[in-house]
Amino acid sequence: RQAPGKEREFVARISWSGGTTYYADSVKGRFTISRDNAKNTV
């Protein structure tokens, strides 16, 4: 994400095969990343 006047920052990621997730501290516990491999959608 990128807010006005700020650099782009990492929010969350997920591995496509195993589904391993990682979150920025600022969103941990509030945001959830997921994927649907059949639909090629995150």
All heavy atoms as atom14 arrays in JSON, in Angstrom:
{
  "sequence": "RQAPGKEREFVARISWSGGTTYYADSVKGRFTISRDNAKNTV",
  "atom14_mask": [
    [1, 1, 1, 1, 1, 1, 1, 1, 1, 1, 1, 0, 0, 0],
    [1, 1, 1, 1, 1, 1, 1, 1, 1, 0, 0, 0, 0, 0],
    [1, 1, 1, 1, 1, 0, 0, 0, 0, 0, 0, 0, 0, 0],
    [1, 1, 1, 1, 1, 1, 1, 0, 0, 0, 0, 0, 0, 0],
    [1, 1, 1, 1, 0, 0, 0, 0, 0, 0, 0, 0, 0, 0],
    [1, 1, 1, 1, 1, 1, 1, 1, 1, 0, 0, 0, 0, 0],
    [1, 1, 1, 1, 1, 1, 1, 1, 1, 0, 0, 0, 0, 0],
    [1, 1, 1, 1, 1, 1, 1, 1, 1, 1, 1, 0, 0, 0],
    [1, 1, 1, 1, 1, 1, 1, 1, 1, 0, 0, 0, 0, 0],
    [1, 1, 1, 1, 1, 1, 1, 1, 1, 1, 1, 0, 0, 0],
    [1, 1, 1, 1, 1, 1, 1, 0, 0, 0, 0, 0, 0, 0],
    [1, 1, 1, 1, 1, 0, 0, 0, 0, 0, 0, 0, 0, 0],
    [1, 1, 1, 1, 1, 1, 1, 1, 1, 1, 1, 0, 0, 0],
    [1, 1, 1, 1, 1, 1, 1, 1, 0, 0, 0, 0, 0, 0],
    [1, 1, 1, 1, 1, 1, 0, 0, 0, 0, 0, 0, 0, 0],
    [1, 1, 1, 1, 1, 1, 1, 1, 1, 1, 1, 1, 1, 1],
    [1, 1, 1, 1, 1, 1, 0, 0, 0, 0, 0, 0, 0, 0],
    [1, 1, 1, 1, 0, 0, 0, 0, 0, 0, 0, 0, 0, 0],
    [1, 1, 1, 1, 0, 0, 0, 0, 0, 0, 0, 0, 0, 0],
    [1, 1, 1, 1, 1, 1, 1, 0, 0, 0, 0, 0, 0, 0],
    [1, 1, 1, 1, 1, 1, 1, 0, 0, 0, 0, 0, 0, 0],
    [1, 1, 1, 1, 1, 1, 1, 1, 1, 1, 1, 1, 0, 0],
    [1, 1, 1, 1, 1, 1, 1, 1, 1, 1, 1, 1, 0, 0],
    [1, 1, 1, 1, 1, 0, 0, 0, 0, 0, 0, 0, 0, 0],
    [1, 1, 1, 1, 1, 1, 1, 1, 0, 0, 0, 0, 0, 0],
    [1, 1, 1, 1, 1, 1, 0, 0, 0, 0, 0, 0, 0, 0],
    [1, 1, 1, 1, 1, 1, 1, 0, 0, 0, 0, 0, 0, 0],
    [1, 1, 1, 1, 1, 1, 1, 1, 1, 0, 0, 0, 0, 0],
    [1, 1, 1, 1, 0, 0, 0, 0, 0, 0, 0, 0, 0, 0],
    [1, 1, 1, 1, 1, 1, 1, 1, 1, 1, 1, 0, 0, 0],
    [1, 1, 1, 1, 1, 1, 1, 1, 1, 1, 1, 0, 0, 0],
    [1, 1, 1, 1, 1, 1, 1, 0, 0, 0, 0, 0, 0, 0],
    [1, 1, 1, 1, 1, 1, 1, 1, 0, 0, 0, 0, 0, 0],
    [1, 1, 1, 1, 1, 1, 0, 0, 0, 0, 0, 0, 0, 0],
    [1, 1, 1, 1, 1, 1, 1, 1, 1, 1, 1, 0, 0, 0],
    [1, 1, 1, 1, 1, 1, 1, 1, 0, 0, 0, 0, 0, 0],
    [1, 1, 1, 1, 1, 1, 1, 1, 0, 0, 0, 0, 0, 0],
    [1, 1, 1, 1, 1, 0, 0, 0, 0, 0, 0, 0, 0, 0],
    [1, 1, 1, 1, 1, 1, 1, 1, 1, 0, 0, 0, 0, 0],
    [1, 1, 1, 1, 1, 1, 1, 1, 0, 0, 0, 0, 0, 0],
    [1, 1, 1, 1, 1, 1, 1, 0, 0, 0, 0, 0, 0, 0],
    [1, 1, 1, 1, 1, 1, 1, 0, 0, 0, 0, 0, 0, 0]
  ],
  "atom14_positions": [
    [[0.83, -1.19, 0.0], [0.0, 0.0, 0.0], [0.87, 1.24, 0.0], [2.01, 1.22, 0.45], [-0.96, 0.02, 1.19], [-0.27, 0.14, 2.55], [-1.29, -0.03, 3.66], [-0.7, 0.14, 4.98], [-1.35, -0.08, 6.12], [-2.63, -0.47, 6.1], [-0.74, 0.11, 7.28], [0.0, 0.0, 0.0], [0.0, 0.0, 0.0], [0.0, 0.0, 0.0]],
    [[0.31, 2.32, -0.5], [1.02, 3.59, -0.54], [0.05, 4.7, -0.18], [-0.93, 4.93, -0.87], [1.63, 3.84, -1.91], [2.52, 5.07, -1.97], [3.35, 5.13, -3.23], [3.02, 4.5, -4.24], [4.44, 5.86, -3.18], [0.0, 0.0, 0.0], [0.0, 0.0, 0.0], [0.0, 0.0, 0.0], [0.0, 0.0, 0.0], [0.0, 0.0, 0.0]],
    [[0.35, 5.38, 0.92], [-0.43, 6.52, 1.37], [0.17, 7.8, 0.81], [1.35, 7.84, 0.45], [-0.46, 6.56, 2.9], [0.0, 0.0, 0.0], [0.0, 0.0, 0.0], [0.0, 0.0, 0.0], [0.0, 0.0, 0.0], [0.0, 0.0, 0.0], [0.0, 0.0, 0.0], [0.0, 0.0, 0.0], [0.0, 0.0, 0.0], [0.0, 0.0, 0.0]],
    [[-0.62, 8.87, 0.75], [-0.1, 10.14, 0.23], [1.13, 10.6, 1.0], [1.14, 10.62, 2.22], [-1.27, 11.1, 0.44], [-2.48, 10.24, 0.41], [-2.06, 8.96, 1.08], [0.0, 0.0, 0.0], [0.0, 0.0, 0.0], [0.0, 0.0, 0.0], [0.0, 0.0, 0.0], [0.0, 0.0, 0.0], [0.0, 0.0, 0.0], [0.0, 0.0, 0.0]],
    [[2.18, 10.96, 0.26], [3.39, 11.45, 0.86], [4.29, 10.39, 1.46], [5.32, 10.73, 2.06], [0.0, 0.0, 0.0], [0.0, 0.0, 0.0], [0.0, 0.0, 0.0], [0.0, 0.0, 0.0], [0.0, 0.0, 0.0], [0.0, 0.0, 0.0], [0.0, 0.0, 0.0], [0.0, 0.0, 0.0], [0.0, 0.0, 0.0], [0.0, 0.0, 0.0]],
    [[3.93, 9.13, 1.32], [4.72, 8.04, 1.88], [5.17, 7.08, 0.78], [4.59, 7.03, -0.3], [3.94, 7.27, 2.94], [3.55, 8.07, 4.15], [2.84, 7.21, 5.18], [3.75, 6.13, 5.72], [3.08, 5.3, 6.77], [0.0, 0.0, 0.0], [0.0, 0.0, 0.0], [0.0, 0.0, 0.0], [0.0, 0.0, 0.0], [0.0, 0.0, 0.0]],
    [[6.21, 6.32, 1.08], [6.67, 5.3, 0.16], [5.76, 4.07, 0.24], [5.06, 3.86, 1.22], [8.11, 4.89, 0.48], [9.13, 6.0, 0.25], [10.55, 5.53, 0.47], [10.74, 4.44, 1.03], [11.47, 6.26, 0.08], [0.0, 0.0, 0.0], [0.0, 0.0, 0.0], [0.0, 0.0, 0.0], [0.0, 0.0, 0.0], [0.0, 0.0, 0.0]],
    [[5.8, 3.28, -0.79], [5.04, 2.04, -0.81], [5.56, 1.11, 0.28], [6.77, 0.95, 0.45], [5.15, 1.39, -2.19], [4.29, 0.17, -2.38], [4.34, -0.3, -3.83], [3.85, 0.72, -4.74], [3.78, 0.57, -6.06], [4.18, -0.56, -6.62], [3.33, 1.55, -6.82], [0.0, 0.0, 0.0], [0.0, 0.0, 0.0], [0.0, 0.0, 0.0]],
    [[4.65, 0.48, 1.03], [5.05, -0.4, 2.1], [4.39, -1.77, 1.98], [3.28, -1.9, 1.45], [4.71, 0.22, 3.47], [3.22, 0.37, 3.73], [2.92, 0.85, 5.14], [3.8, 0.74, 6.01], [1.79, 1.35, 5.36], [0.0, 0.0, 0.0], [0.0, 0.0, 0.0], [0.0, 0.0, 0.0], [0.0, 0.0, 0.0], [0.0, 0.0, 0.0]],
    [[5.07, -2.76, 2.49], [4.59, -4.13, 2.48], [3.43, -4.29, 3.46], [3.46, -3.75, 4.57], [5.73, -5.08, 2.85], [5.29, -6.47, 3.17], [5.0, -7.37, 2.16], [5.16, -6.88, 4.48], [4.6, -8.66, 2.45], [4.76, -8.17, 4.78], [4.48, -9.06, 3.76], [0.0, 0.0, 0.0], [0.0, 0.0, 0.0], [0.0, 0.0, 0.0]],
    [[2.43, -5.07, 3.07], [1.28, -5.35, 3.92], [1.21, -6.84, 4.29], [1.16, -7.19, 5.47], [-0.04, -4.93, 3.25], [-1.23, -5.34, 4.11], [-0.05, -3.43, 3.01], [0.0, 0.0, 0.0], [0.0, 0.0, 0.0], [0.0, 0.0, 0.0], [0.0, 0.0, 0.0], [0.0, 0.0, 0.0], [0.0, 0.0, 0.0], [0.0, 0.0, 0.0]],
    [[1.2, -7.71, 3.29], [1.08, -9.14, 3.53], [1.52, -9.91, 2.3], [1.51, -9.39, 1.19], [-0.37, -9.51, 3.89], [0.0, 0.0, 0.0], [0.0, 0.0, 0.0], [0.0, 0.0, 0.0], [0.0, 0.0, 0.0], [0.0, 0.0, 0.0], [0.0, 0.0, 0.0], [0.0, 0.0, 0.0], [0.0, 0.0, 0.0], [0.0, 0.0, 0.0]],
    [[1.92, -11.17, 2.5], [2.25, -12.03, 1.37], [1.79, -13.46, 1.67], [1.57, -13.84, 2.82], [3.75, -12.02, 1.07], [4.62, -12.67, 2.13], [6.06, -12.82, 1.64], [6.89, -13.52, 2.61], [7.79, -12.95, 3.4], [7.98, -11.63, 3.33], [8.49, -13.68, 4.24], [0.0, 0.0, 0.0], [0.0, 0.0, 0.0], [0.0, 0.0, 0.0]],
    [[1.67, -14.25, 0.61], [1.28, -15.64, 0.74], [1.99, -16.45, -0.33], [2.08, -16.02, -1.48], [-0.26, -15.81, 0.65], [-0.67, -17.25, 0.94], [-0.79, -15.35, -0.7], [-2.17, -17.41, 1.15], [0.0, 0.0, 0.0], [0.0, 0.0, 0.0], [0.0, 0.0, 0.0], [0.0, 0.0, 0.0], [0.0, 0.0, 0.0], [0.0, 0.0, 0.0]],
    [[2.51, -17.61, 0.03], [3.11, -18.5, -0.95], [2.0, -19.21, -1.71], [1.0, -19.64, -1.12], [4.05, -19.5, -0.29], [3.35, -20.37, 0.59], [0.0, 0.0, 0.0], [0.0, 0.0, 0.0], [0.0, 0.0, 0.0], [0.0, 0.0, 0.0], [0.0, 0.0, 0.0], [0.0, 0.0, 0.0], [0.0, 0.0, 0.0], [0.0, 0.0, 0.0]],
    [[2.16, -19.33, -3.02], [1.1, -19.86, -3.84], [0.86, -21.35, -3.62], [-0.27, -21.82, -3.67], [1.39, -19.59, -5.32], [0.17, -19.59, -6.16], [-0.09, -20.4, -7.22], [-0.97, -18.74, -6.01], [-1.32, -20.12, -7.74], [-1.88, -19.1, -7.04], [-1.3, -17.71, -5.13], [-3.11, -18.47, -7.18], [-2.53, -17.08, -5.27], [-3.42, -17.46, -6.29]],
    [[1.92, -22.09, -3.37], [1.82, -23.53, -3.21], [1.39, -23.93, -1.8], [0.38, -24.62, -1.63], [3.15, -24.2, -3.56], [3.06, -25.6, -3.41], [0.0, 0.0, 0.0], [0.0, 0.0, 0.0], [0.0, 0.0, 0.0], [0.0, 0.0, 0.0], [0.0, 0.0, 0.0], [0.0, 0.0, 0.0], [0.0, 0.0, 0.0], [0.0, 0.0, 0.0]],
    [[2.13, -23.51, -0.8], [1.88, -23.95, 0.55], [0.95, -23.07, 1.37], [0.45, -23.5, 2.41], [0.0, 0.0, 0.0], [0.0, 0.0, 0.0], [0.0, 0.0, 0.0], [0.0, 0.0, 0.0], [0.0, 0.0, 0.0], [0.0, 0.0, 0.0], [0.0, 0.0, 0.0], [0.0, 0.0, 0.0], [0.0, 0.0, 0.0], [0.0, 0.0, 0.0]],
    [[0.72, -21.85, 0.92], [-0.17, -20.95, 1.63], [0.43, -20.3, 2.86], [-0.31, -19.77, 3.7], [0.0, 0.0, 0.0], [0.0, 0.0, 0.0], [0.0, 0.0, 0.0], [0.0, 0.0, 0.0], [0.0, 0.0, 0.0], [0.0, 0.0, 0.0], [0.0, 0.0, 0.0], [0.0, 0.0, 0.0], [0.0, 0.0, 0.0], [0.0, 0.0, 0.0]],
    [[1.75, -20.33, 2.99], [2.41, -19.67, 4.11], [2.21, -18.17, 4.03], [2.39, -17.57, 2.98], [3.9, -20.0, 4.12], [4.08, -21.42, 4.19], [4.59, -19.36, 5.32], [0.0, 0.0, 0.0], [0.0, 0.0, 0.0], [0.0, 0.0, 0.0], [0.0, 0.0, 0.0], [0.0, 0.0, 0.0], [0.0, 0.0, 0.0], [0.0, 0.0, 0.0]],
    [[1.84, -17.57, 5.15], [1.53, -16.14, 5.18], [2.49, -15.38, 6.07], [3.1, -15.93, 6.99], [0.1, -15.89, 5.66], [-0.06, -16.42, 6.98], [-0.9, -16.55, 4.74], [0.0, 0.0, 0.0], [0.0, 0.0, 0.0], [0.0, 0.0, 0.0], [0.0, 0.0, 0.0], [0.0, 0.0, 0.0], [0.0, 0.0, 0.0], [0.0, 0.0, 0.0]],
    [[2.61, -14.1, 5.78], [3.43, -13.19, 6.57], [2.79, -11.82, 6.5], [2.34, -11.39, 5.43], [4.86, -13.16, 6.05], [5.79, -12.32, 6.88], [6.32, -12.81, 8.06], [6.14, -11.03, 6.49], [7.17, -12.04, 8.83], [6.98, -10.25, 7.25], [7.5, -10.77, 8.43], [8.34, -10.01, 9.18], [0.0, 0.0, 0.0], [0.0, 0.0, 0.0]],
    [[2.77, -11.11, 7.64], [2.11, -9.83, 7.72], [3.01, -8.75, 8.3], [3.86, -9.03, 9.14], [0.86, -9.92, 8.6], [-0.19, -10.87, 8.11], [-0.18, -12.2, 8.5], [-1.19, -10.43, 7.25], [-1.15, -13.08, 8.06], [-2.16, -11.31, 6.79], [-2.14, -12.62, 7.2], [-3.1, -13.49, 6.75], [0.0, 0.0, 0.0], [0.0, 0.0, 0.0]],
    [[2.78, -7.53, 7.86], [3.4, -6.4, 8.52], [2.81, -6.24, 9.92], [1.64, -6.55, 10.15], [3.17, -5.13, 7.71], [0.0, 0.0, 0.0], [0.0, 0.0, 0.0], [0.0, 0.0, 0.0], [0.0, 0.0, 0.0], [0.0, 0.0, 0.0], [0.0, 0.0, 0.0], [0.0, 0.0, 0.0], [0.0, 0.0, 0.0], [0.0, 0.0, 0.0]],
    [[3.62, -5.77, 10.85], [3.15, -5.61, 12.22], [1.92, -4.7, 12.3], [1.05, -4.9, 13.16], [4.27, -5.05, 13.1], [5.36, -6.06, 13.37], [5.13, -7.27, 13.19], [6.46, -5.64, 13.78], [0.0, 0.0, 0.0], [0.0, 0.0, 0.0], [0.0, 0.0, 0.0], [0.0, 0.0, 0.0], [0.0, 0.0, 0.0], [0.0, 0.0, 0.0]],
    [[1.84, -3.73, 11.44], [0.77, -2.75, 11.49], [-0.61, -3.34, 11.19], [-1.63, -2.75, 11.56], [1.06, -1.59, 10.54], [1.18, -2.05, 9.21], [0.0, 0.0, 0.0], [0.0, 0.0, 0.0], [0.0, 0.0, 0.0], [0.0, 0.0, 0.0], [0.0, 0.0, 0.0], [0.0, 0.0, 0.0], [0.0, 0.0, 0.0], [0.0, 0.0, 0.0]],
    [[-0.65, -4.49, 10.51], [-1.93, -5.08, 10.13], [-2.16, -6.44, 10.77], [-3.24, -7.03, 10.61], [-2.06, -5.2, 8.61], [-1.84, -3.85, 7.95], [-1.11, -6.25, 8.05], [0.0, 0.0, 0.0], [0.0, 0.0, 0.0], [0.0, 0.0, 0.0], [0.0, 0.0, 0.0], [0.0, 0.0, 0.0], [0.0, 0.0, 0.0], [0.0, 0.0, 0.0]],
    [[-1.18, -6.96, 11.48], [-1.27, -8.28, 12.08], [-2.47, -8.37, 13.03], [-2.66, -7.51, 13.88], [0.03, -8.61, 12.8], [0.26, -10.07, 13.08], [1.68, -10.3, 13.61], [2.73, -9.87, 12.62], [4.12, -10.1, 13.12], [0.0, 0.0, 0.0], [0.0, 0.0, 0.0], [0.0, 0.0, 0.0], [0.0, 0.0, 0.0], [0.0, 0.0, 0.0]],
    [[-3.26, -9.41, 12.87], [-4.45, -9.59, 13.68], [-5.69, -8.94, 13.13], [-6.79, -9.22, 13.61], [0.0, 0.0, 0.0], [0.0, 0.0, 0.0], [0.0, 0.0, 0.0], [0.0, 0.0, 0.0], [0.0, 0.0, 0.0], [0.0, 0.0, 0.0], [0.0, 0.0, 0.0], [0.0, 0.0, 0.0], [0.0, 0.0, 0.0], [0.0, 0.0, 0.0]],
    [[-5.54, -8.07, 12.15], [-6.67, -7.38, 11.54], [-6.91, -7.79, 10.09], [-8.04, -7.87, 9.63], [-6.48, -5.86, 11.6], [-6.35, -5.32, 13.01], [-6.35, -3.79, 13.02], [-5.2, -3.25, 12.29], [-5.31, -2.45, 11.23], [-6.51, -2.1, 10.78], [-4.22, -2.0, 10.63], [0.0, 0.0, 0.0], [0.0, 0.0, 0.0], [0.0, 0.0, 0.0]],
    [[-5.82, -8.03, 9.36], [-5.91, -8.39, 7.95], [-5.61, -9.87, 7.77], [-4.79, -10.45, 8.5], [-4.91, -7.59, 7.11], [-5.2, -6.12, 6.99], [-6.18, -5.5, 7.74], [-4.47, -5.36, 6.09], [-6.44, -4.15, 7.62], [-4.72, -4.01, 5.95], [-5.7, -3.4, 6.72], [0.0, 0.0, 0.0], [0.0, 0.0, 0.0], [0.0, 0.0, 0.0]],
    [[-6.23, -10.48, 6.78], [-5.98, -11.87, 6.44], [-5.81, -12.0, 4.93], [-6.69, -11.59, 4.17], [-7.12, -12.78, 6.9], [-7.3, -12.66, 8.31], [-6.78, -14.24, 6.57], [0.0, 0.0, 0.0], [0.0, 0.0, 0.0], [0.0, 0.0, 0.0], [0.0, 0.0, 0.0], [0.0, 0.0, 0.0], [0.0, 0.0, 0.0], [0.0, 0.0, 0.0]],
    [[-4.68, -12.56, 4.52], [-4.45, -12.82, 3.1], [-4.77, -14.29, 2.82], [-4.48, -15.17, 3.63], [-3.01, -12.47, 2.69], [-2.84, -12.57, 1.17], [-2.0, -13.34, 3.41], [-1.5, -12.02, 0.67], [0.0, 0.0, 0.0], [0.0, 0.0, 0.0], [0.0, 0.0, 0.0], [0.0, 0.0, 0.0], [0.0, 0.0, 0.0], [0.0, 0.0, 0.0]],
    [[-5.39, -14.55, 1.7], [-5.73, -15.91, 1.31], [-5.68, -16.02, -0.21], [-5.58, -15.01, -0.9], [-7.11, -16.31, 1.84], [-8.13, -15.47, 1.31], [0.0, 0.0, 0.0], [0.0, 0.0, 0.0], [0.0, 0.0, 0.0], [0.0, 0.0, 0.0], [0.0, 0.0, 0.0], [0.0, 0.0, 0.0], [0.0, 0.0, 0.0], [0.0, 0.0, 0.0]],
    [[-5.75, -17.25, -0.7], [-5.73, -17.43, -2.14], [-6.63, -18.57, -2.58], [-6.9, -19.5, -1.82], [-4.29, -17.66, -2.67], [-3.8, -19.11, -2.61], [-3.27, -19.46, -1.25], [-2.43, -20.65, -1.28], [-2.78, -21.83, -0.78], [-3.97, -21.98, -0.18], [-1.95, -22.86, -0.85], [0.0, 0.0, 0.0], [0.0, 0.0, 0.0], [0.0, 0.0, 0.0]],
    [[-7.11, -18.47, -3.8], [-7.88, -19.51, -4.46], [-7.11, -19.87, -5.71], [-7.2, -19.18, -6.72], [-9.29, -19.03, -4.78], [-10.19, -20.13, -5.33], [-9.66, -21.1, -5.91], [-11.41, -20.02, -5.17], [0.0, 0.0, 0.0], [0.0, 0.0, 0.0], [0.0, 0.0, 0.0], [0.0, 0.0, 0.0], [0.0, 0.0, 0.0], [0.0, 0.0, 0.0]],
    [[-6.34, -20.95, -5.64], [-5.47, -21.32, -6.75], [-6.25, -21.61, -8.03], [-5.79, -21.28, -9.12], [-4.61, -22.53, -6.38], [-3.65, -22.25, -5.25], [-4.01, -21.64, -4.24], [-2.41, -22.7, -5.4], [0.0, 0.0, 0.0], [0.0, 0.0, 0.0], [0.0, 0.0, 0.0], [0.0, 0.0, 0.0], [0.0, 0.0, 0.0], [0.0, 0.0, 0.0]],
    [[-7.42, -22.23, -7.89], [-8.22, -22.58, -9.05], [-8.68, -21.34, -9.8], [-8.87, -21.38, -11.02], [-9.42, -23.43, -8.64], [0.0, 0.0, 0.0], [0.0, 0.0, 0.0], [0.0, 0.0, 0.0], [0.0, 0.0, 0.0], [0.0, 0.0, 0.0], [0.0, 0.0, 0.0], [0.0, 0.0, 0.0], [0.0, 0.0, 0.0], [0.0, 0.0, 0.0]],
    [[-8.87, -20.25, -9.08], [-9.32, -19.01, -9.7], [-8.18, -18.03, -9.95], [-8.43, -16.92, -10.44], [-10.38, -18.34, -8.82], [-11.65, -19.14, -8.67], [-12.67, -18.41, -7.81], [-13.95, -19.19, -7.68], [-14.96, -18.49, -6.84], [0.0, 0.0, 0.0], [0.0, 0.0, 0.0], [0.0, 0.0, 0.0], [0.0, 0.0, 0.0], [0.0, 0.0, 0.0]],
    [[-6.96, -18.43, -9.61], [-5.8, -17.55, -9.76], [-6.05, -16.19, -9.11], [-5.75, -15.14, -9.68], [-5.44, -17.37, -11.24], [-4.9, -18.64, -11.85], [-4.14, -19.37, -11.22], [-5.27, -18.9, -13.1], [0.0, 0.0, 0.0], [0.0, 0.0, 0.0], [0.0, 0.0, 0.0], [0.0, 0.0, 0.0], [0.0, 0.0, 0.0], [0.0, 0.0, 0.0]],
    [[-6.58, -16.24, -7.9], [-6.98, -15.03, -7.21], [-6.46, -15.02, -5.78], [-6.47, -16.05, -5.1], [-8.52, -14.89, -7.2], [-9.0, -14.85, -8.55], [-8.94, -13.62, -6.49], [0.0, 0.0, 0.0], [0.0, 0.0, 0.0], [0.0, 0.0, 0.0], [0.0, 0.0, 0.0], [0.0, 0.0, 0.0], [0.0, 0.0, 0.0], [0.0, 0.0, 0.0]],
    [[-6.0, -13.87, -5.35], [-5.59, -13.66, -3.98], [-6.5, -12.6, -3.36], [-6.94, -11.68, -4.05], [-4.1, -13.26, -3.88], [-3.86, -11.91, -4.54], [-3.64, -13.25, -2.44], [0.0, 0.0, 0.0], [0.0, 0.0, 0.0], [0.0, 0.0, 0.0], [0.0, 0.0, 0.0], [0.0, 0.0, 0.0], [0.0, 0.0, 0.0], [0.0, 0.0, 0.0]]
  ]
}
